[in-house]
Amino acid sequence: MGPTGEQTQPLESLLVPAAEALPSNAAYLAHLEAGPEHRSLIRLASNENTEPPSPRVRDALARAYDDANWSPPTNPEVRTALAKRFGVTPDRVLLGAGSTEVIEAVMRTFLGPGDEVVVPDPSWPVFTRRLTALQAQIVAIPLLRDDRTYVYDVDSLLTAVSPRTKMIVVCSPNNPTGNSISLADARRCAEAGPIVLIDAAYADFDPEIDLSSLIHEFSNVILSRTFSKAYCLAGLRLGYIVGDATVLDYVDRFLVPGSSVSNPALHAGLAALSDDQYHDRQVRRIRTERDRLLGGIRRLGLPAFDSRTNFVAVDASRYPGGAQALVASMREHGVLIRPMTSSIARISVGTRDENDAALAVLARVTAVALAG
């Protein structure tokens, strides 16, 4: 700024190249604008658990008042508890403010401008956003699909790995398509890739496939998990990665020193982790409701994809205006869902009553639109 407060150089000339290339976060998070003033809306857009967390979390948050004036510990109890669950030492677990933070730290640790990253397509949009910020070279490998399911094209993914490839990203179960990669295919990725980042945010809902064994076999595998879904803690922001201790030490250097995770989140995470009965009930409930929601959507004549997550992906390509239009129509009738691509709309699994309401609205809007 000059002495009069005027910009002495054009703002655009000061920006890094990615700043103008990145889309607005406000636009990406617009579905979260439904705050307390919109209590009547049924929120099935963000893959949140629409039930509250374990009652133990309420008690833990009350206790968190007693150390709110202290900085968080560098080796909190929840880290030790997680390490025990995965059969590793605590230095092989790294916490973050949601798995998003530690995933980005992994990317910043290993990637710079022009570095190749092999990613599935479609997948979690944040991968592309953060890789764009790093000016990495994205090599997108389309998933295979039919009318009922998506699958990883592992052969094409591995064929895309080149001497310039520094990372393979695997999201399993995948967001927004709901499919998982097999352990055998994930192992093939680990054998082929330099760094393999496995985003397993929805793994609780797919107990038949456990990719965590790979962290005991391969030092180049980093597994991310979150408390936001099955543990009902999306609002407290707590996630983590598990991997090789030396690798995680480098990743940790890209986090703000002193921990970004608050004491309340640490208390809540430990309490949630201690209540296996509550967690298991949530997983059973969501899996049951997921299958019921999926069947209801298909009975309406809409293509929807098999899911191993807490959401169902709907093919809205036949709906006039695609996924964006379907989402807008659903919101007009009080149900929030989310457009993920031009053709895919994603519906989070809610309670039984919420899912019934979503199906009723979906039946109404599609009958009107497709009849016209």
Protein backbone atom coordinates (compact mmCIF):
# COMPACT_ATOMS: atom_id res chain seq x y z
CA MET A 1 0.00 0.00 0.00
CA GLY A 2 1.12 3.59 -0.63
CA PRO A 3 0.96 6.35 2.03
CA THR A 4 -2.63 7.16 1.01
CA GLY A 5 -3.73 3.54 1.35
CA GLU A 6 -3.85 3.00 -2.40
CA GLN A 7 -2.49 -0.21 -3.91
CA THR A 8 0.87 0.62 -5.51
CA GLN A 9 0.85 -2.54 -7.60
CA PRO A 10 -2.12 -4.25 -9.23
CA LEU A 11 -3.37 -6.97 -6.90
CA GLU A 12 -3.23 -9.57 -9.66
CA SER A 13 0.51 -9.03 -10.07
CA LEU A 14 1.08 -10.00 -6.43
CA LEU A 15 -0.93 -13.21 -6.47
CA VAL A 16 0.65 -16.61 -6.88
CA PRO A 17 -0.60 -18.28 -10.09
CA ALA A 18 -2.92 -20.69 -8.30
CA ALA A 19 -4.81 -17.92 -6.50
CA GLU A 20 -6.76 -16.94 -9.60
CA ALA A 21 -7.14 -20.53 -10.78
CA LEU A 22 -8.78 -21.73 -7.55
CA PRO A 23 -12.56 -21.50 -7.29
CA SER A 24 -14.15 -19.69 -4.36
CA ASN A 25 -14.43 -21.55 -1.06
CA ALA A 26 -17.67 -19.66 -0.46
CA ALA A 27 -19.19 -21.25 -3.55
CA TYR A 28 -17.90 -24.71 -2.66
CA LEU A 29 -19.34 -24.47 0.87
CA ALA A 30 -22.59 -22.75 -0.06
CA HIS A 31 -24.55 -25.79 1.10
CA LEU A 32 -23.44 -25.03 4.68
CA GLU A 33 -25.27 -21.70 4.71
CA ALA A 34 -28.30 -23.45 6.17
CA GLY A 35 -27.65 -22.41 9.76
CA PRO A 36 -29.87 -22.19 12.84
CA GLU A 37 -32.29 -19.92 11.01
CA HIS A 38 -33.05 -22.83 8.65
CA ARG A 39 -33.86 -25.48 11.25
CA SER A 40 -36.78 -26.69 9.18
CA LEU A 41 -34.47 -27.81 6.36
CA ILE A 42 -33.46 -31.46 6.29
CA ARG A 43 -29.68 -31.39 5.88
CA LEU A 44 -28.47 -34.30 3.77
CA ALA A 45 -25.77 -32.45 1.82
CA SER A 46 -22.53 -32.78 3.78
CA ASN A 47 -22.29 -36.45 4.81
CA GLU A 48 -22.67 -35.38 8.41
CA ASN A 49 -24.22 -37.77 10.90
CA THR A 50 -27.61 -36.22 11.64
CA GLU A 51 -27.70 -37.82 15.09
CA PRO A 52 -25.72 -36.33 18.01
CA PRO A 53 -22.51 -37.94 19.28
CA SER A 54 -22.22 -40.33 22.19
CA PRO A 55 -23.42 -38.94 25.55
CA ARG A 56 -19.84 -39.47 26.71
CA VAL A 57 -18.86 -36.65 24.37
CA ARG A 58 -21.21 -34.25 26.16
CA ASP A 59 -19.52 -35.06 29.46
CA ALA A 60 -16.06 -34.73 27.91
CA LEU A 61 -16.88 -31.31 26.48
CA ALA A 62 -17.96 -30.16 29.93
CA ARG A 63 -14.64 -31.35 31.34
CA ALA A 64 -12.81 -29.51 28.57
CA TYR A 65 -13.73 -26.25 30.30
CA ASP A 66 -11.16 -27.04 32.97
CA ASP A 67 -8.20 -26.89 30.57
CA ALA A 68 -9.52 -24.40 28.03
CA ASN A 69 -6.88 -21.92 29.19
CA TRP A 70 -4.02 -24.33 28.43
CA SER A 71 -2.43 -25.15 25.08
CA PRO A 72 -3.20 -28.66 23.81
CA PRO A 73 -0.68 -31.39 24.72
CA THR A 74 1.70 -32.60 22.04
CA ASN A 75 0.95 -36.24 22.80
CA PRO A 76 -2.73 -36.35 23.80
CA GLU A 77 -4.45 -39.49 25.07
CA VAL A 78 -6.54 -39.87 21.94
CA ARG A 79 -3.35 -40.25 19.91
CA THR A 80 -2.21 -43.08 22.15
CA ALA A 81 -5.65 -44.71 21.97
CA LEU A 82 -5.63 -44.55 18.17
CA ALA A 83 -2.12 -45.98 18.01
CA LYS A 84 -3.25 -48.91 20.13
CA ARG A 85 -6.18 -49.56 17.80
CA PHE A 86 -3.95 -49.66 14.75
CA GLY A 87 -1.20 -51.62 16.48
CA VAL A 88 1.43 -48.90 16.01
CA THR A 89 3.45 -46.56 18.20
CA PRO A 90 2.05 -43.03 18.85
CA ASP A 91 4.68 -41.45 16.59
CA ARG A 92 2.94 -43.19 13.70
CA VAL A 93 -0.30 -41.22 14.28
CA LEU A 94 -0.64 -37.54 13.40
CA LEU A 95 -3.72 -35.55 14.39
CA GLY A 96 -5.24 -32.62 12.55
CA ALA A 97 -8.26 -30.32 12.53
CA GLY A 98 -10.22 -32.80 10.45
CA SER A 99 -8.58 -35.21 8.04
CA THR A 100 -8.64 -32.39 5.46
CA GLU A 101 -5.82 -30.59 7.26
CA VAL A 102 -3.49 -33.57 7.45
CA ILE A 103 -4.27 -34.63 3.89
CA GLU A 104 -3.22 -31.19 2.67
CA ALA A 105 -0.10 -31.34 4.82
CA VAL A 106 0.80 -34.64 3.14
CA MET A 107 0.41 -33.02 -0.26
CA ARG A 108 2.52 -30.01 0.71
CA THR A 109 5.23 -32.31 2.07
CA PHE A 110 5.77 -34.13 -1.20
CA LEU A 111 4.42 -32.01 -4.05
CA GLY A 112 5.55 -28.89 -5.82
CA PRO A 113 4.82 -27.20 -9.13
CA GLY A 114 4.73 -29.69 -11.98
CA ASP A 115 4.88 -32.84 -9.86
CA GLU A 116 2.54 -35.55 -11.12
CA VAL A 117 -0.26 -36.94 -8.97
CA VAL A 118 -2.49 -39.79 -10.13
CA VAL A 119 -6.05 -39.35 -8.84
CA PRO A 120 -9.37 -41.09 -9.50
CA ASP A 121 -12.10 -39.21 -11.33
CA PRO A 122 -14.60 -38.39 -10.01
CA SER A 123 -13.44 -38.18 -6.43
CA TRP A 124 -13.46 -35.75 -3.52
CA PRO A 125 -13.25 -32.27 -5.10
CA VAL A 126 -10.91 -31.00 -2.38
CA PHE A 127 -8.13 -33.17 -3.82
CA THR A 128 -8.20 -31.19 -7.04
CA ARG A 129 -8.53 -27.86 -5.23
CA ARG A 130 -5.48 -28.43 -3.02
CA LEU A 131 -3.40 -29.93 -5.82
CA THR A 132 -4.23 -26.90 -7.96
CA ALA A 133 -3.04 -24.66 -5.13
CA LEU A 134 0.27 -26.52 -5.17
CA GLN A 135 0.46 -26.28 -8.97
CA ALA A 136 0.86 -30.04 -9.17
CA GLN A 137 0.17 -31.87 -12.42
CA ILE A 138 -3.05 -33.83 -11.97
CA VAL A 139 -3.36 -37.09 -13.90
CA ALA A 140 -7.05 -37.99 -13.59
CA ILE A 141 -8.02 -41.61 -14.19
CA PRO A 142 -11.76 -42.10 -14.85
CA LEU A 143 -13.58 -44.69 -12.80
CA LEU A 144 -15.43 -47.40 -14.67
CA ARG A 145 -19.20 -47.52 -14.24
CA ASP A 146 -22.41 -49.15 -15.26
CA ASP A 147 -25.99 -48.32 -14.25
CA ARG A 148 -25.52 -49.62 -10.71
CA THR A 149 -21.95 -49.13 -9.61
CA TYR A 150 -18.59 -47.46 -10.07
CA VAL A 151 -15.29 -49.37 -9.86
CA TYR A 152 -11.64 -48.39 -9.81
CA ASP A 153 -9.82 -48.89 -13.11
CA VAL A 154 -6.65 -50.02 -11.36
CA ASP A 155 -4.90 -51.17 -14.53
CA SER A 156 -5.26 -47.70 -16.08
CA LEU A 157 -4.30 -46.06 -12.81
CA LEU A 158 -1.06 -48.04 -12.63
CA THR A 159 -0.35 -47.52 -16.32
CA ALA A 160 -0.50 -43.77 -15.65
CA VAL A 161 2.32 -43.95 -13.11
CA SER A 162 5.46 -42.47 -14.65
CA PRO A 163 8.95 -41.49 -13.43
CA ARG A 164 7.46 -38.04 -12.71
CA THR A 165 4.70 -39.44 -10.49
CA LYS A 166 5.22 -38.55 -6.85
CA MET A 167 1.87 -39.60 -5.41
CA ILE A 168 -1.13 -41.83 -6.02
CA VAL A 169 -4.36 -40.82 -4.31
CA VAL A 170 -6.88 -43.51 -3.44
CA CYS A 171 -10.20 -42.57 -1.85
CA SER A 172 -11.87 -45.69 -0.50
CA PRO A 173 -14.76 -45.83 -0.13
CA ASN A 174 -14.77 -43.13 -2.77
CA ASN A 175 -16.57 -39.83 -2.46
CA PRO A 176 -18.90 -39.18 -4.31
CA THR A 177 -19.34 -42.53 -6.08
CA GLY A 178 -19.53 -44.82 -3.03
CA ASN A 179 -17.31 -47.66 -4.30
CA SER A 180 -14.30 -49.20 -2.58
CA ILE A 181 -10.99 -50.50 -3.86
CA SER A 182 -10.05 -54.06 -2.93
CA LEU A 183 -7.14 -54.75 -0.59
CA ALA A 184 -5.32 -56.57 -3.38
CA ASP A 185 -5.66 -53.62 -5.77
CA ALA A 186 -4.64 -51.13 -3.07
CA ARG A 187 -1.57 -53.26 -2.47
CA ARG A 188 -0.75 -53.06 -6.19
CA CYS A 189 -0.86 -49.26 -5.87
CA ALA A 190 1.46 -49.37 -2.87
CA GLU A 191 3.91 -51.50 -4.80
CA ALA A 192 3.85 -49.14 -7.80
CA GLY A 193 3.67 -45.70 -6.25
CA PRO A 194 6.21 -43.53 -4.49
CA ILE A 195 3.71 -42.12 -1.94
CA VAL A 196 0.21 -43.59 -1.74
CA LEU A 197 -2.34 -41.48 0.12
CA ILE A 198 -5.44 -43.47 1.07
CA ASP A 199 -8.37 -41.33 2.18
CA ALA A 200 -10.48 -43.74 4.23
CA ALA A 201 -12.94 -41.24 5.70
CA TYR A 202 -15.85 -43.64 5.13
CA ALA A 203 -14.11 -46.88 6.08
CA ASP A 204 -16.34 -47.38 9.14
CA PHE A 205 -19.25 -48.10 6.79
CA ASP A 206 -17.35 -50.74 4.80
CA PRO A 207 -16.08 -53.22 7.40
CA GLU A 208 -15.62 -55.94 4.77
CA ILE A 209 -12.56 -54.13 3.33
CA ASP A 210 -9.82 -53.06 5.74
CA LEU A 211 -6.94 -51.23 4.08
CA SER A 212 -5.19 -50.42 7.37
CA SER A 213 -3.03 -53.54 7.10
CA LEU A 214 -1.07 -51.76 4.36
CA ILE A 215 0.50 -49.36 6.86
CA HIS A 216 2.23 -52.38 8.39
CA GLU A 217 3.52 -53.56 5.01
CA PHE A 218 4.56 -50.35 3.24
CA SER A 219 6.39 -47.28 4.51
CA ASN A 220 5.09 -45.26 1.54
CA VAL A 221 1.40 -45.69 2.48
CA ILE A 222 -0.38 -42.96 4.44
CA LEU A 223 -3.91 -43.69 5.64
CA SER A 224 -6.26 -40.86 6.65
CA ARG A 225 -9.33 -41.23 8.87
CA THR A 226 -11.84 -38.89 10.49
CA PHE A 227 -14.14 -38.57 13.50
CA SER A 228 -16.68 -36.58 11.43
CA LYS A 229 -18.80 -39.44 10.10
CA ALA A 230 -19.38 -42.52 12.26
CA TYR A 231 -18.42 -40.67 15.45
CA CYS A 232 -20.76 -37.71 14.76
CA LEU A 233 -18.07 -35.05 15.39
CA ALA A 234 -18.05 -33.04 12.14
CA GLY A 235 -18.47 -29.79 14.07
CA LEU A 236 -15.40 -30.36 16.25
CA ARG A 237 -12.92 -31.04 13.41
CA LEU A 238 -10.76 -34.00 14.36
CA GLY A 239 -8.98 -36.31 11.94
CA TYR A 240 -5.69 -38.13 11.66
CA ILE A 241 -3.27 -40.01 9.47
CA VAL A 242 -1.42 -43.23 10.20
CA GLY A 243 1.85 -44.14 8.53
CA ASP A 244 5.59 -44.49 8.85
CA ALA A 245 7.03 -42.47 11.75
CA THR A 246 9.75 -40.83 9.65
CA VAL A 247 7.27 -39.89 6.92
CA LEU A 248 4.84 -38.42 9.46
CA ASP A 249 7.60 -36.42 11.09
CA TYR A 250 8.14 -34.61 7.79
CA VAL A 251 4.37 -34.13 7.32
CA ASP A 252 4.10 -32.70 10.84
CA ARG A 253 6.51 -29.91 9.87
CA PHE A 254 3.87 -28.57 7.49
CA LEU A 255 1.33 -28.16 10.28
CA VAL A 256 1.30 -25.04 12.43
CA PRO A 257 3.51 -25.71 15.49
CA GLY A 258 1.60 -26.19 18.72
CA SER A 259 -1.25 -28.24 17.19
CA SER A 260 -4.31 -26.96 15.39
CA VAL A 261 -6.50 -29.38 17.30
CA SER A 262 -8.29 -27.82 20.27
CA ASN A 263 -8.56 -29.34 23.73
CA PRO A 264 -12.34 -29.76 23.37
CA ALA A 265 -11.83 -31.78 20.19
CA LEU A 266 -9.21 -33.95 21.87
CA HIS A 267 -11.49 -34.64 24.83
CA ALA A 268 -14.44 -35.36 22.54
CA GLY A 269 -12.44 -37.66 20.29
CA LEU A 270 -11.19 -39.76 23.20
CA ALA A 271 -14.69 -40.02 24.64
CA ALA A 272 -16.20 -41.00 21.27
CA LEU A 273 -13.47 -43.58 20.73
CA SER A 274 -14.22 -45.15 24.11
CA ASP A 275 -17.89 -45.79 23.29
CA ASP A 276 -17.70 -48.67 20.83
CA GLN A 277 -21.33 -49.62 21.44
CA TYR A 278 -22.57 -46.18 20.33
CA HIS A 279 -20.25 -46.16 17.31
CA ASP A 280 -21.33 -49.64 16.23
CA ARG A 281 -25.00 -48.71 16.58
CA GLN A 282 -24.48 -45.70 14.33
CA VAL A 283 -22.73 -47.79 11.71
CA ARG A 284 -25.49 -50.44 11.72
CA ARG A 285 -28.20 -47.80 11.54
CA ILE A 286 -26.58 -45.94 8.66
CA ARG A 287 -25.85 -49.08 6.66
CA THR A 288 -29.45 -50.24 7.05
CA GLU A 289 -30.85 -46.84 6.11
CA ARG A 290 -28.38 -46.49 3.23
CA ASP A 291 -29.65 -49.67 1.63
CA ARG A 292 -33.25 -48.62 2.19
CA LEU A 293 -32.59 -45.17 0.70
CA LEU A 294 -30.82 -46.68 -2.29
CA GLY A 295 -33.69 -49.07 -2.94
CA GLY A 296 -36.24 -46.27 -2.63
CA ILE A 297 -34.40 -44.10 -5.14
CA ARG A 298 -34.18 -46.95 -7.64
CA ARG A 299 -37.88 -47.70 -7.26
CA LEU A 300 -38.52 -44.14 -8.41
CA GLY A 301 -36.79 -45.06 -11.65
CA LEU A 302 -33.65 -43.02 -10.97
CA PRO A 303 -30.22 -44.57 -11.52
CA ALA A 304 -28.35 -44.72 -8.21
CA PHE A 305 -25.06 -46.37 -7.39
CA ASP A 306 -24.16 -49.08 -4.91
CA SER A 307 -22.59 -47.48 -1.85
CA ARG A 308 -20.24 -48.52 0.94
CA THR A 309 -20.47 -45.11 2.60
CA ASN A 310 -22.99 -42.96 4.48
CA PHE A 311 -24.39 -41.46 1.27
CA VAL A 312 -25.95 -42.47 -2.02
CA ALA A 313 -24.95 -41.03 -5.39
CA VAL A 314 -27.76 -40.42 -7.87
CA ASP A 315 -27.36 -40.08 -11.62
CA ALA A 316 -29.26 -36.87 -12.38
CA SER A 317 -28.25 -36.64 -16.03
CA ARG A 318 -31.83 -37.23 -17.20
CA TYR A 319 -33.20 -34.55 -14.89
CA PRO A 320 -33.64 -31.25 -16.82
CA GLY A 321 -30.66 -29.10 -15.83
CA GLY A 322 -28.74 -32.00 -14.30
CA ALA A 323 -27.55 -32.32 -10.73
CA GLN A 324 -27.61 -28.57 -9.99
CA ALA A 325 -31.26 -28.32 -10.97
CA LEU A 326 -32.24 -31.39 -8.98
CA VAL A 327 -30.50 -30.00 -5.89
CA ALA A 328 -32.29 -26.67 -6.32
CA SER A 329 -35.65 -28.37 -6.67
CA MET A 330 -35.07 -30.47 -3.56
CA ARG A 331 -34.12 -27.40 -1.56
CA GLU A 332 -37.31 -25.63 -2.61
CA HIS A 333 -39.14 -28.47 -0.88
CA GLY A 334 -37.03 -28.38 2.27
CA VAL A 335 -34.35 -31.02 1.64
CA LEU A 336 -30.67 -30.17 1.17
CA ILE A 337 -28.60 -32.51 -1.00
CA ARG A 338 -25.43 -31.72 -2.93
CA PRO A 339 -24.32 -31.57 -6.56
CA MET A 340 -20.91 -33.22 -6.96
CA THR A 341 -20.56 -33.17 -10.74
CA SER A 342 -22.83 -31.95 -13.52
CA SER A 343 -24.64 -35.30 -13.39
CA ILE A 344 -24.09 -36.70 -9.88
CA ALA A 345 -26.16 -35.54 -6.93
CA ARG A 346 -25.18 -36.91 -3.51
CA ILE A 347 -27.68 -37.66 -0.76
CA SER A 348 -26.33 -38.22 2.75
CA VAL A 349 -28.02 -40.89 4.83
CA GLY A 350 -30.08 -39.37 7.61
CA THR A 351 -32.49 -40.79 10.13
CA ARG A 352 -35.38 -42.96 8.97
CA ASP A 353 -37.77 -40.01 9.05
CA GLU A 354 -35.32 -37.76 7.18
CA ASN A 355 -34.75 -40.38 4.52
CA ASP A 356 -38.50 -40.89 4.10
CA ALA A 357 -38.92 -37.15 3.65
CA ALA A 358 -36.10 -37.04 1.09
CA LEU A 359 -37.64 -39.89 -0.88
CA ALA A 360 -41.05 -38.19 -0.85
CA VAL A 361 -39.58 -34.93 -2.15
CA LEU A 362 -37.47 -36.75 -4.71
CA ALA A 363 -40.57 -38.55 -5.98
CA ARG A 364 -42.43 -35.28 -6.23
CA VAL A 365 -39.81 -33.25 -8.08
CA THR A 366 -38.79 -35.99 -10.49
CA ALA A 367 -42.41 -36.82 -11.36
CA VAL A 368 -43.02 -33.20 -12.28
CA ALA A 369 -39.73 -32.63 -14.11
CA LEU A 370 -39.58 -35.88 -16.06
CA ALA A 371 -43.27 -35.73 -16.97
CA GLY A 372 -42.69 -32.31 -18.49
